[in-house]
Amino acid sequence: MSVAWYIVLERKIPGFDHVVNGNAVARADDQLDALADEKGLPTVMSFFSVSPEELAGFAGDHGVSLKKPVPEKWFSADDGLKTVNGLIDAAAREKVDARIIADLQEFKTVLETAGQNGVGWHLAVDF
C-alpha cells in the first residue's frame, strides 16, 4: 500500500496547480519528525486536518459512528513554510534521500504561493 501526504488549500488559486507528490515524505515521516524535533519545529503531520464529511465517510467505511464531528482546521502558509524550510535545510545537511527533499521542495512551492495569495492550508493523507 502506498501512502502519500498532500496539501489541501482553503480555496483554489486561479491558474495554480497545487498538486504535490508526497510519497517520499509520507514514507520518511519518522525521519522527518526526528529532524523537526531536533530543530524545535512542528512536525509536518501537526498540520493534518480533514473535513467533517471526509472523516464521517472514513469512519462509516470502518464501521465507526462519530457523535460529534471534528471541525476542519486551516493553517497559515507561513507556519507551514517555517517547518518545510527547516526540514529542507536539515535534510540537506543530513544527506537525506533526494526524493524526500524533492517532495519538500514541492510543498515549499505550494505554501509560498498559498502565502502570497492569503490562502490557508492543511495536510491530508491519501491511502
C-alpha atoms as a PDB file:
ATOM      1  CA  MET A   1       0.000   0.000   0.000  1.00  0.00           C
ATOM      2  CA  SER A   2       1.316   3.399  -0.988  1.00  0.00           C
ATOM      3  CA  VAL A   3       0.673   6.360   1.257  1.00  0.00           C
ATOM      4  CA  ALA A   4       1.091   9.963   0.176  1.00  0.00           C
ATOM      5  CA  TRP A   5       0.789  13.253   2.000  1.00  0.00           C
ATOM      6  CA  TYR A   6      -0.707  16.140   0.096  1.00  0.00           C
ATOM      7  CA  ILE A   7      -1.764  19.731   0.589  1.00  0.00           C
ATOM      8  CA  VAL A   8      -5.375  20.862   0.684  1.00  0.00           C
ATOM      9  CA  LEU A   9      -5.903  24.572   0.092  1.00  0.00           C
ATOM     10  CA  GLU A  10      -8.686  26.502   1.768  1.00  0.00           C
ATOM     11  CA  ARG A  11      -9.685  27.813  -1.647  1.00  0.00           C
ATOM     12  CA  LYS A  12      -8.461  27.437  -5.213  1.00  0.00           C
ATOM     13  CA  ILE A  13      -5.827  29.792  -6.541  1.00  0.00           C
ATOM     14  CA  PRO A  14      -6.719  30.601 -10.155  1.00  0.00           C
ATOM     15  CA  GLY A  15      -4.180  29.234 -12.616  1.00  0.00           C
ATOM     16  CA  PHE A  16      -2.185  27.384  -9.946  1.00  0.00           C
ATOM     17  CA  ASP A  17      -1.866  23.603  -9.724  1.00  0.00           C
ATOM     18  CA  HIS A  18      -1.148  22.751  -6.085  1.00  0.00           C
ATOM     19  CA  VAL A  19      -0.651  19.006  -6.589  1.00  0.00           C
ATOM     20  CA  VAL A  20       2.417  17.562  -4.842  1.00  0.00           C
ATOM     21  CA  ASN A  21       3.897  14.064  -4.988  1.00  0.00           C
ATOM     22  CA  GLY A  22       4.072  13.427  -1.234  1.00  0.00           C
ATOM     23  CA  ASN A  23       5.024   9.744  -1.400  1.00  0.00           C
ATOM     24  CA  ALA A  24       8.596  10.146  -0.173  1.00  0.00           C
ATOM     25  CA  VAL A  25       7.722  12.466   2.729  1.00  0.00           C
ATOM     26  CA  ALA A  26       4.999  10.080   3.877  1.00  0.00           C
ATOM     27  CA  ARG A  27       7.434   7.149   3.905  1.00  0.00           C
ATOM     28  CA  ALA A  28      10.022   9.252   5.749  1.00  0.00           C
ATOM     29  CA  ASP A  29       7.683  10.523   8.475  1.00  0.00           C
ATOM     30  CA  ASP A  30       9.769   9.163  11.373  1.00  0.00           C
ATOM     31  CA  GLN A  31      12.974  10.611   9.929  1.00  0.00           C
ATOM     32  CA  LEU A  32      11.338  13.993   9.276  1.00  0.00           C
ATOM     33  CA  ASP A  33       9.758  14.025  12.740  1.00  0.00           C
ATOM     34  CA  ALA A  34      13.206  13.482  14.283  1.00  0.00           C
ATOM     35  CA  LEU A  35      14.672  16.332  12.216  1.00  0.00           C
ATOM     36  CA  ALA A  36      11.776  18.621  13.182  1.00  0.00           C
ATOM     37  CA  ASP A  37      12.247  17.749  16.875  1.00  0.00           C
ATOM     38  CA  GLU A  38      15.988  18.476  16.645  1.00  0.00           C
ATOM     39  CA  LYS A  39      15.252  21.897  15.158  1.00  0.00           C
ATOM     40  CA  GLY A  40      12.380  22.647  17.560  1.00  0.00           C
ATOM     41  CA  LEU A  41       9.861  22.769  14.718  1.00  0.00           C
ATOM     42  CA  PRO A  42       6.329  21.408  14.498  1.00  0.00           C
ATOM     43  CA  THR A  43       6.181  18.150  12.562  1.00  0.00           C
ATOM     44  CA  VAL A  44       4.615  18.121   9.108  1.00  0.00           C
ATOM     45  CA  MET A  45       1.849  15.875  10.445  1.00  0.00           C
ATOM     46  CA  SER A  46       0.953  18.510  13.059  1.00  0.00           C
ATOM     47  CA  PHE A  47      -0.645  20.368  10.135  1.00  0.00           C
ATOM     48  CA  PHE A  48      -3.012  17.456   9.393  1.00  0.00           C
ATOM     49  CA  SER A  49      -6.744  18.021   9.222  1.00  0.00           C
ATOM     50  CA  VAL A  50      -9.740  16.597   7.420  1.00  0.00           C
ATOM     51  CA  SER A  51     -13.196  17.851   6.573  1.00  0.00           C
ATOM     52  CA  PRO A  52     -16.046  16.567   8.765  1.00  0.00           C
ATOM     53  CA  GLU A  53     -17.595  14.940   5.674  1.00  0.00           C
ATOM     54  CA  GLU A  54     -14.413  13.043   4.804  1.00  0.00           C
ATOM     55  CA  LEU A  55     -13.958  11.955   8.404  1.00  0.00           C
ATOM     56  CA  ALA A  56     -17.558  10.749   8.650  1.00  0.00           C
ATOM     57  CA  GLY A  57     -17.161   8.819   5.393  1.00  0.00           C
ATOM     58  CA  PHE A  58     -13.911   7.231   6.546  1.00  0.00           C
ATOM     59  CA  ALA A  59     -15.416   6.332   9.919  1.00  0.00           C
ATOM     60  CA  GLY A  60     -18.532   4.899   8.278  1.00  0.00           C
ATOM     61  CA  ASP A  61     -16.405   2.789   5.921  1.00  0.00           C
ATOM     62  CA  HIS A  62     -14.786   1.286   9.007  1.00  0.00           C
ATOM     63  CA  GLY A  63     -17.974   0.722  10.984  1.00  0.00           C
ATOM     64  CA  VAL A  64     -17.477   3.610  13.388  1.00  0.00           C
ATOM     65  CA  SER A  65     -20.018   6.322  14.083  1.00  0.00           C
ATOM     66  CA  LEU A  66     -18.956   9.782  15.142  1.00  0.00           C
ATOM     67  CA  LYS A  67     -21.041  11.509  17.768  1.00  0.00           C
ATOM     68  CA  LYS A  68     -19.525  14.942  17.295  1.00  0.00           C
ATOM     69  CA  PRO A  69     -17.749  15.867  14.076  1.00  0.00           C
ATOM     70  CA  VAL A  70     -14.324  17.441  14.392  1.00  0.00           C
ATOM     71  CA  PRO A  71     -14.097  20.780  12.564  1.00  0.00           C
ATOM     72  CA  GLU A  72     -11.632  21.117   9.725  1.00  0.00           C
ATOM     73  CA  LYS A  73      -8.563  23.187  10.661  1.00  0.00           C
ATOM     74  CA  TRP A  74      -6.725  25.613   8.407  1.00  0.00           C
ATOM     75  CA  PHE A  75      -3.158  26.690   8.980  1.00  0.00           C
ATOM     76  CA  SER A  76      -1.122  29.670   7.888  1.00  0.00           C
ATOM     77  CA  ALA A  77       1.146  29.057   4.907  1.00  0.00           C
ATOM     78  CA  ASP A  78       3.889  30.931   6.780  1.00  0.00           C
ATOM     79  CA  ASP A  79       3.725  28.455   9.668  1.00  0.00           C
ATOM     80  CA  GLY A  80       3.979  25.561   7.254  1.00  0.00           C
ATOM     81  CA  LEU A  81       6.895  27.209   5.453  1.00  0.00           C
ATOM     82  CA  LYS A  82       8.856  27.512   8.692  1.00  0.00           C
ATOM     83  CA  THR A  83       8.645  23.755   9.138  1.00  0.00           C
ATOM     84  CA  VAL A  84       9.243  22.871   5.483  1.00  0.00           C
ATOM     85  CA  ASN A  85      12.199  25.255   5.089  1.00  0.00           C
ATOM     86  CA  GLY A  86      13.739  23.985   8.324  1.00  0.00           C
ATOM     87  CA  LEU A  87      13.336  20.400   7.147  1.00  0.00           C
ATOM     88  CA  ILE A  88      14.851  21.184   3.739  1.00  0.00           C
ATOM     89  CA  ASP A  89      17.919  22.692   5.445  1.00  0.00           C
ATOM     90  CA  ALA A  90      18.239  19.808   7.898  1.00  0.00           C
ATOM     91  CA  ALA A  91      17.670  17.188   5.195  1.00  0.00           C
ATOM     92  CA  ALA A  92      20.401  18.674   3.013  1.00  0.00           C
ATOM     93  CA  ARG A  93      22.867  18.605   5.922  1.00  0.00           C
ATOM     94  CA  GLU A  94      21.918  15.035   6.844  1.00  0.00           C
ATOM     95  CA  LYS A  95      22.133  13.866   3.225  1.00  0.00           C
ATOM     96  CA  VAL A  96      18.535  12.638   3.244  1.00  0.00           C
ATOM     97  CA  ASP A  97      17.231  10.826   0.145  1.00  0.00           C
ATOM     98  CA  ALA A  98      16.850  13.279  -2.746  1.00  0.00           C
ATOM     99  CA  ARG A  99      13.215  12.193  -3.302  1.00  0.00           C
ATOM    100  CA  ILE A 100      12.304  13.423   0.175  1.00  0.00           C
ATOM    101  CA  ILE A 101      13.952  16.776  -0.475  1.00  0.00           C
ATOM    102  CA  ALA A 102      12.156  16.988  -3.848  1.00  0.00           C
ATOM    103  CA  ASP A 103       8.793  16.417  -2.122  1.00  0.00           C
ATOM    104  CA  LEU A 104       9.626  19.070   0.467  1.00  0.00           C
ATOM    105  CA  GLN A 105      10.545  21.489  -2.331  1.00  0.00           C
ATOM    106  CA  GLU A 106       7.118  20.866  -3.913  1.00  0.00           C
ATOM    107  CA  PHE A 107       5.462  21.565  -0.551  1.00  0.00           C
ATOM    108  CA  LYS A 108       7.520  24.772  -0.310  1.00  0.00           C
ATOM    109  CA  THR A 109       6.371  25.974  -3.743  1.00  0.00           C
ATOM    110  CA  VAL A 110       2.711  25.376  -2.901  1.00  0.00           C
ATOM    111  CA  LEU A 111       2.988  27.026   0.520  1.00  0.00           C
ATOM    112  CA  GLU A 112       4.800  30.058  -0.903  1.00  0.00           C
ATOM    113  CA  THR A 113       2.045  30.545  -3.475  1.00  0.00           C
ATOM    114  CA  ALA A 114      -0.651  29.989  -0.837  1.00  0.00           C
ATOM    115  CA  GLY A 115       1.004  32.591   1.388  1.00  0.00           C
ATOM    116  CA  GLN A 116       1.230  35.117  -1.445  1.00  0.00           C
ATOM    117  CA  ASN A 117      -2.491  34.650  -2.024  1.00  0.00           C
ATOM    118  CA  GLY A 118      -3.599  34.625   1.620  1.00  0.00           C
ATOM    119  CA  VAL A 119      -4.818  31.041   1.390  1.00  0.00           C
ATOM    120  CA  GLY A 120      -4.822  28.665   4.347  1.00  0.00           C
ATOM    121  CA  TRP A 121      -3.904  25.005   4.050  1.00  0.00           C
ATOM    122  CA  HIS A 122      -3.724  21.694   5.807  1.00  0.00           C
ATOM    123  CA  LEU A 123      -2.039  18.366   5.266  1.00  0.00           C
ATOM    124  CA  ALA A 124      -4.076  15.374   4.133  1.00  0.00           C
ATOM    125  CA  VAL A 125      -3.253  11.702   3.714  1.00  0.00           C
ATOM    126  CA  ASP A 126      -4.041   9.523   0.739  1.00  0.00           C
ATOM    127  CA  PHE A 127      -4.018   5.784   1.437  1.00  0.00           C
END
